[in-house]
Amino acid sequence: MNNATGVVFGRNPNQTHHTFRYTDALGLDRSNVMDAIRRDLQPHLPLPVPPPNDAPFIGTVTVDGMELRYHAYPMEEGLVNVGRITGP
């Protein structure tokens, strides 16, 4: 996979809530956050499975002037789960 179509932000409602809890508290639009992360991940896909040292890919994006740090975990069949996004 060499595009970001396999990027998910949690695989059930509870995971999705935990993924966005910090950005929701900051008042950021989830769509803008997802778009920024997908663009940032694009050149790194596909992520290696298993990841080196079992560590997630960690990236940084800026949304509405706020710097966010995210953790992306490679899953089966090229799927990438963004499981944590934190703010300033």
C-alpha atoms as a PDB file:
ATOM      1  CA  MET A   1       0.000   0.000   0.000  1.00  0.00           C
ATOM      2  CA  ASN A   2       1.475   3.326  -0.974  1.00  0.00           C
ATOM      3  CA  ASN A   3      -1.345   5.684  -0.073  1.00  0.00           C
ATOM      4  CA  ALA A   4      -3.122   6.731   3.085  1.00  0.00           C
ATOM      5  CA  THR A   5      -6.480   5.073   2.399  1.00  0.00           C
ATOM      6  CA  GLY A   6      -5.736   2.395   4.997  1.00  0.00           C
ATOM      7  CA  VAL A   7      -5.370   4.857   7.875  1.00  0.00           C
ATOM      8  CA  VAL A   8      -7.948   4.539  10.657  1.00  0.00           C
ATOM      9  CA  PHE A   9      -8.423   6.487  13.868  1.00  0.00           C
ATOM     10  CA  GLY A  10      -9.547   3.784  16.253  1.00  0.00           C
ATOM     11  CA  ARG A  11     -11.347   0.625  15.261  1.00  0.00           C
ATOM     12  CA  ASN A  12     -14.361   0.985  17.551  1.00  0.00           C
ATOM     13  CA  PRO A  13     -16.129   3.916  19.262  1.00  0.00           C
ATOM     14  CA  ASN A  14     -14.094   3.612  22.467  1.00  0.00           C
ATOM     15  CA  GLN A  15     -10.776   3.647  20.599  1.00  0.00           C
ATOM     16  CA  THR A  16     -11.925   6.588  18.475  1.00  0.00           C
ATOM     17  CA  HIS A  17     -12.879   8.515  21.621  1.00  0.00           C
ATOM     18  CA  HIS A  18      -9.437   7.890  23.132  1.00  0.00           C
ATOM     19  CA  THR A  19      -7.714   8.869  19.879  1.00  0.00           C
ATOM     20  CA  PHE A  20      -9.388  12.287  19.751  1.00  0.00           C
ATOM     21  CA  ARG A  21      -9.891  13.109  23.438  1.00  0.00           C
ATOM     22  CA  TYR A  22      -7.082  15.698  23.508  1.00  0.00           C
ATOM     23  CA  THR A  23      -7.886  17.297  20.160  1.00  0.00           C
ATOM     24  CA  ASP A  24     -11.594  17.457  21.058  1.00  0.00           C
ATOM     25  CA  ALA A  25     -10.666  19.235  24.303  1.00  0.00           C
ATOM     26  CA  LEU A  26      -8.652  21.730  22.241  1.00  0.00           C
ATOM     27  CA  GLY A  27     -11.700  22.378  20.038  1.00  0.00           C
ATOM     28  CA  LEU A  28     -10.040  21.099  16.854  1.00  0.00           C
ATOM     29  CA  ASP A  29     -12.141  19.735  14.020  1.00  0.00           C
ATOM     30  CA  ARG A  30     -11.586  15.977  13.700  1.00  0.00           C
ATOM     31  CA  SER A  31     -11.636  16.115   9.895  1.00  0.00           C
ATOM     32  CA  ASN A  32      -8.852  18.698   9.824  1.00  0.00           C
ATOM     33  CA  VAL A  33      -6.792  16.618  12.259  1.00  0.00           C
ATOM     34  CA  MET A  34      -7.307  13.426  10.225  1.00  0.00           C
ATOM     35  CA  ASP A  35      -6.445  15.161   6.939  1.00  0.00           C
ATOM     36  CA  ALA A  36      -3.215  16.604   8.374  1.00  0.00           C
ATOM     37  CA  ILE A  37      -2.138  13.235   9.779  1.00  0.00           C
ATOM     38  CA  ARG A  38      -2.945  11.371   6.560  1.00  0.00           C
ATOM     39  CA  ARG A  39      -0.886  13.884   4.551  1.00  0.00           C
ATOM     40  CA  ASP A  40       2.001  13.533   7.002  1.00  0.00           C
ATOM     41  CA  LEU A  41       1.875   9.718   6.941  1.00  0.00           C
ATOM     42  CA  GLN A  42       1.616   9.436   3.139  1.00  0.00           C
ATOM     43  CA  PRO A  43       5.364   9.405   2.361  1.00  0.00           C
ATOM     44  CA  HIS A  44       6.040   6.833   5.110  1.00  0.00           C
ATOM     45  CA  LEU A  45       3.549   4.206   3.962  1.00  0.00           C
ATOM     46  CA  PRO A  46       3.532   1.314   4.156  1.00  0.00           C
ATOM     47  CA  LEU A  47       4.804   1.183   7.726  1.00  0.00           C
ATOM     48  CA  PRO A  48       6.879  -1.910   8.528  1.00  0.00           C
ATOM     49  CA  VAL A  49       5.145  -4.790  10.307  1.00  0.00           C
ATOM     50  CA  PRO A  50       6.252  -5.453  12.932  1.00  0.00           C
ATOM     51  CA  PRO A  51       7.564  -1.962  13.653  1.00  0.00           C
ATOM     52  CA  PRO A  52      11.235  -1.606  14.583  1.00  0.00           C
ATOM     53  CA  ASN A  53      11.677  -2.280  18.316  1.00  0.00           C
ATOM     54  CA  ASP A  54       7.867  -2.678  18.543  1.00  0.00           C
ATOM     55  CA  ALA A  55       7.633   1.125  18.629  1.00  0.00           C
ATOM     56  CA  PRO A  56       4.892   3.102  16.856  1.00  0.00           C
ATOM     57  CA  PHE A  57       5.610   5.637  14.141  1.00  0.00           C
ATOM     58  CA  ILE A  58       5.508   9.065  15.816  1.00  0.00           C
ATOM     59  CA  GLY A  59       4.731  12.113  13.740  1.00  0.00           C
ATOM     60  CA  THR A  60       4.032  15.793  14.266  1.00  0.00           C
ATOM     61  CA  VAL A  61       1.512  17.982  12.441  1.00  0.00           C
ATOM     62  CA  THR A  62       0.173  21.497  12.903  1.00  0.00           C
ATOM     63  CA  VAL A  63      -3.585  22.088  12.844  1.00  0.00           C
ATOM     64  CA  ASP A  64      -5.049  25.554  13.355  1.00  0.00           C
ATOM     65  CA  GLY A  65      -1.690  26.752  14.643  1.00  0.00           C
ATOM     66  CA  MET A  66      -1.407  23.988  17.250  1.00  0.00           C
ATOM     67  CA  GLU A  67       1.327  21.398  17.092  1.00  0.00           C
ATOM     68  CA  LEU A  68       0.051  17.850  17.565  1.00  0.00           C
ATOM     69  CA  ARG A  69       1.985  14.645  18.053  1.00  0.00           C
ATOM     70  CA  TYR A  70       0.479  11.347  16.948  1.00  0.00           C
ATOM     71  CA  HIS A  71       1.324   7.658  17.265  1.00  0.00           C
ATOM     72  CA  ALA A  72       0.587   5.382  14.318  1.00  0.00           C
ATOM     73  CA  TYR A  73       0.611   1.622  14.667  1.00  0.00           C
ATOM     74  CA  PRO A  74       0.969  -0.655  11.635  1.00  0.00           C
ATOM     75  CA  MET A  75      -1.674  -3.378  11.538  1.00  0.00           C
ATOM     76  CA  GLU A  76      -2.390  -6.326   9.289  1.00  0.00           C
ATOM     77  CA  GLU A  77      -2.626  -5.963   5.506  1.00  0.00           C
ATOM     78  CA  GLY A  78      -1.198  -2.445   5.379  1.00  0.00           C
ATOM     79  CA  LEU A  79      -3.740  -0.915   7.740  1.00  0.00           C
ATOM     80  CA  VAL A  80      -2.418   1.829  10.030  1.00  0.00           C
ATOM     81  CA  ASN A  81      -4.209   2.769  13.244  1.00  0.00           C
ATOM     82  CA  VAL A  82      -3.611   6.217  14.681  1.00  0.00           C
ATOM     83  CA  GLY A  83      -4.157   5.472  18.331  1.00  0.00           C
ATOM     84  CA  ARG A  84      -3.059   8.571  20.165  1.00  0.00           C
ATOM     85  CA  ILE A  85      -2.974  12.269  19.327  1.00  0.00           C
ATOM     86  CA  THR A  86      -1.725  14.764  21.880  1.00  0.00           C
ATOM     87  CA  GLY A  87      -1.569  18.522  21.841  1.00  0.00           C
ATOM     88  CA  PRO A  88       0.611  21.242  23.252  1.00  0.00           C
END
